[in-house]
Structures are given as structure tokens and as C-alpha cells.
Amino acid sequence: MYLTPEKKEEIFKKHGKSEKDTGSPEGQIALFTYRINHLTQHLKKNHKDFNTERSLVKLVGKRRSLLDYLTKKDILRYRAIVKELGLRK
């Protein structure tokens, strides 16, 4: 399993308010980014895996809507998370 509970806690601890704070947009965006990177690596090896490709597209859409929400809510938090994760619009 690529995403252990310890890894999840580490992601939320680094990007959220605490390791148990799974609801903050920053923590969710960081988790989606980790999962997107993992699925991208998987698809490079298995280019005919269309179910994973569909899951990847859905995850990218979810992350995009969270980023849009954060843009409307607090632009400084948006800029900080984009810079920290190395995302670009």
C-alpha cells in the first residue's frame, strides 16, 4: 500500500494545522498532490490502465476546485500552498 496512515499523518502535520486536521484545504490539497504524483508514476509504466487514468483526472479536478475555493477564501493561503507544493496555475 503506497499511502500508509503514518504518511497521511505526516502530510497533514506538515501542511495542515495538526496531524489530525484532515479537513483543512491545505492538507487536502497536499494529500491530493501526493496521490496525483503516485498515479502519474503508475501511468507512466501502465499506459493502458484507463481506470487509473480516470481516477487521476477526477483527483486533479477535486484539487483544482479546492484551489479555486482557497483562492476565493484567502489568496495568501492559496499562494503559500502553491509555492510550497510547487504547483502552478
C-alpha atoms as a PDB file:
ATOM      1  CA  MET A   1       0.000   0.000   0.000  1.00  0.00           C
ATOM      2  CA  TYR A   2       1.513   3.295  -1.085  1.00  0.00           C
ATOM      3  CA  LEU A   3      -0.309   5.553   1.397  1.00  0.00           C
ATOM      4  CA  THR A   4       0.179   4.382   4.958  1.00  0.00           C
ATOM      5  CA  PRO A   5      -1.564   6.073   7.890  1.00  0.00           C
ATOM      6  CA  GLU A   6       1.841   7.342   9.047  1.00  0.00           C
ATOM      7  CA  LYS A   7       2.445   9.009   5.679  1.00  0.00           C
ATOM      8  CA  LYS A   8      -1.024  10.592   5.822  1.00  0.00           C
ATOM      9  CA  GLU A   9      -0.348  11.975   9.294  1.00  0.00           C
ATOM     10  CA  GLU A  10       2.994  13.337   8.104  1.00  0.00           C
ATOM     11  CA  ILE A  11       1.341  15.132   5.175  1.00  0.00           C
ATOM     12  CA  PHE A  12      -1.386  16.631   7.382  1.00  0.00           C
ATOM     13  CA  LYS A  13       1.143  17.572  10.065  1.00  0.00           C
ATOM     14  CA  LYS A  14       3.317  19.400   7.528  1.00  0.00           C
ATOM     15  CA  HIS A  15       0.570  21.178   5.599  1.00  0.00           C
ATOM     16  CA  GLY A  16      -2.423  21.216   7.975  1.00  0.00           C
ATOM     17  CA  LYS A  17      -2.806  22.679  11.417  1.00  0.00           C
ATOM     18  CA  SER A  18      -2.075  19.336  13.114  1.00  0.00           C
ATOM     19  CA  GLU A  19      -1.668  15.684  12.158  1.00  0.00           C
ATOM     20  CA  LYS A  20      -5.351  15.027  12.925  1.00  0.00           C
ATOM     21  CA  ASP A  21      -6.593  18.065  10.963  1.00  0.00           C
ATOM     22  CA  THR A  22      -7.863  16.320   7.835  1.00  0.00           C
ATOM     23  CA  GLY A  23     -10.392  18.987   6.915  1.00  0.00           C
ATOM     24  CA  SER A  24      -8.209  21.962   6.102  1.00  0.00           C
ATOM     25  CA  PRO A  25      -7.968  22.782   2.400  1.00  0.00           C
ATOM     26  CA  GLU A  26      -4.172  22.913   2.561  1.00  0.00           C
ATOM     27  CA  GLY A  27      -3.963  19.397   3.982  1.00  0.00           C
ATOM     28  CA  GLN A  28      -6.410  18.024   1.428  1.00  0.00           C
ATOM     29  CA  ILE A  29      -4.578  19.715  -1.449  1.00  0.00           C
ATOM     30  CA  ALA A  30      -1.273  18.278  -0.231  1.00  0.00           C
ATOM     31  CA  LEU A  31      -2.797  14.791   0.042  1.00  0.00           C
ATOM     32  CA  PHE A  32      -4.320  15.036  -3.440  1.00  0.00           C
ATOM     33  CA  THR A  33      -0.966  16.197  -4.808  1.00  0.00           C
ATOM     34  CA  TYR A  34       0.784  13.199  -3.245  1.00  0.00           C
ATOM     35  CA  ARG A  35      -1.817  10.834  -4.725  1.00  0.00           C
ATOM     36  CA  ILE A  36      -1.663  12.553  -8.136  1.00  0.00           C
ATOM     37  CA  ASN A  37       2.117  12.172  -8.227  1.00  0.00           C
ATOM     38  CA  HIS A  38       1.815   8.488  -7.334  1.00  0.00           C
ATOM     39  CA  LEU A  39      -0.819   7.823 -10.006  1.00  0.00           C
ATOM     40  CA  THR A  40       1.234   9.712 -12.591  1.00  0.00           C
ATOM     41  CA  GLN A  41       4.206   7.438 -11.927  1.00  0.00           C
ATOM     42  CA  HIS A  42       1.912   4.402 -12.189  1.00  0.00           C
ATOM     43  CA  LEU A  43       0.518   5.559 -15.520  1.00  0.00           C
ATOM     44  CA  LYS A  44       3.993   6.071 -16.955  1.00  0.00           C
ATOM     45  CA  LYS A  45       4.560   2.331 -16.531  1.00  0.00           C
ATOM     46  CA  ASN A  46       0.988   1.187 -17.305  1.00  0.00           C
ATOM     47  CA  HIS A  47      -0.259   3.461 -20.053  1.00  0.00           C
ATOM     48  CA  LYS A  48      -3.286   1.271 -20.847  1.00  0.00           C
ATOM     49  CA  ASP A  49      -4.733   1.439 -17.329  1.00  0.00           C
ATOM     50  CA  PHE A  50      -7.778   3.555 -18.142  1.00  0.00           C
ATOM     51  CA  ASN A  51      -9.454   3.191 -14.739  1.00  0.00           C
ATOM     52  CA  THR A  52      -6.437   4.749 -13.069  1.00  0.00           C
ATOM     53  CA  GLU A  53      -6.367   7.455 -15.713  1.00  0.00           C
ATOM     54  CA  ARG A  54      -9.992   8.320 -14.942  1.00  0.00           C
ATOM     55  CA  SER A  55      -9.221   8.395 -11.214  1.00  0.00           C
ATOM     56  CA  LEU A  56      -6.299  10.705 -11.882  1.00  0.00           C
ATOM     57  CA  VAL A  57      -8.473  13.125 -13.855  1.00  0.00           C
ATOM     58  CA  LYS A  58     -11.068  13.147 -11.050  1.00  0.00           C
ATOM     59  CA  LEU A  59      -8.370  13.844  -8.437  1.00  0.00           C
ATOM     60  CA  VAL A  60      -6.957  16.706 -10.487  1.00  0.00           C
ATOM     61  CA  GLY A  61     -10.472  18.183 -10.723  1.00  0.00           C
ATOM     62  CA  LYS A  62     -11.004  17.883  -6.965  1.00  0.00           C
ATOM     63  CA  ARG A  63      -7.667  19.544  -6.271  1.00  0.00           C
ATOM     64  CA  ARG A  64      -8.497  22.317  -8.755  1.00  0.00           C
ATOM     65  CA  SER A  65     -11.826  23.030  -7.039  1.00  0.00           C
ATOM     66  CA  LEU A  66     -10.145  23.156  -3.641  1.00  0.00           C
ATOM     67  CA  LEU A  67      -7.543  25.542  -5.032  1.00  0.00           C
ATOM     68  CA  ASP A  68     -10.317  27.713  -6.501  1.00  0.00           C
ATOM     69  CA  TYR A  69     -12.099  27.701  -3.135  1.00  0.00           C
ATOM     70  CA  LEU A  70      -8.910  28.728  -1.373  1.00  0.00           C
ATOM     71  CA  THR A  71      -8.360  31.497  -3.934  1.00  0.00           C
ATOM     72  CA  LYS A  72     -11.762  32.990  -3.142  1.00  0.00           C
ATOM     73  CA  LYS A  73     -11.444  32.450   0.607  1.00  0.00           C
ATOM     74  CA  ASP A  74      -7.872  33.588   1.304  1.00  0.00           C
ATOM     75  CA  ILE A  75      -5.443  34.425  -1.504  1.00  0.00           C
ATOM     76  CA  LEU A  76      -2.408  34.430   0.798  1.00  0.00           C
ATOM     77  CA  ARG A  77      -3.030  30.836   1.918  1.00  0.00           C
ATOM     78  CA  TYR A  78      -3.505  29.878  -1.736  1.00  0.00           C
ATOM     79  CA  ARG A  79      -0.190  31.429  -2.753  1.00  0.00           C
ATOM     80  CA  ALA A  80       1.591  29.790   0.165  1.00  0.00           C
ATOM     81  CA  ILE A  81       0.336  26.269  -0.634  1.00  0.00           C
ATOM     82  CA  VAL A  82       1.025  26.644  -4.371  1.00  0.00           C
ATOM     83  CA  LYS A  83       4.560  27.778  -3.659  1.00  0.00           C
ATOM     84  CA  GLU A  84       5.161  25.088  -1.038  1.00  0.00           C
ATOM     85  CA  LEU A  85       3.922  22.227  -3.220  1.00  0.00           C
ATOM     86  CA  GLY A  86       5.459  23.578  -6.412  1.00  0.00           C
ATOM     87  CA  LEU A  87       2.131  23.822  -8.242  1.00  0.00           C
ATOM     88  CA  ARG A  88       1.420  26.331 -10.934  1.00  0.00           C
ATOM     89  CA  LYS A  89      -1.792  27.500 -12.487  1.00  0.00           C
END
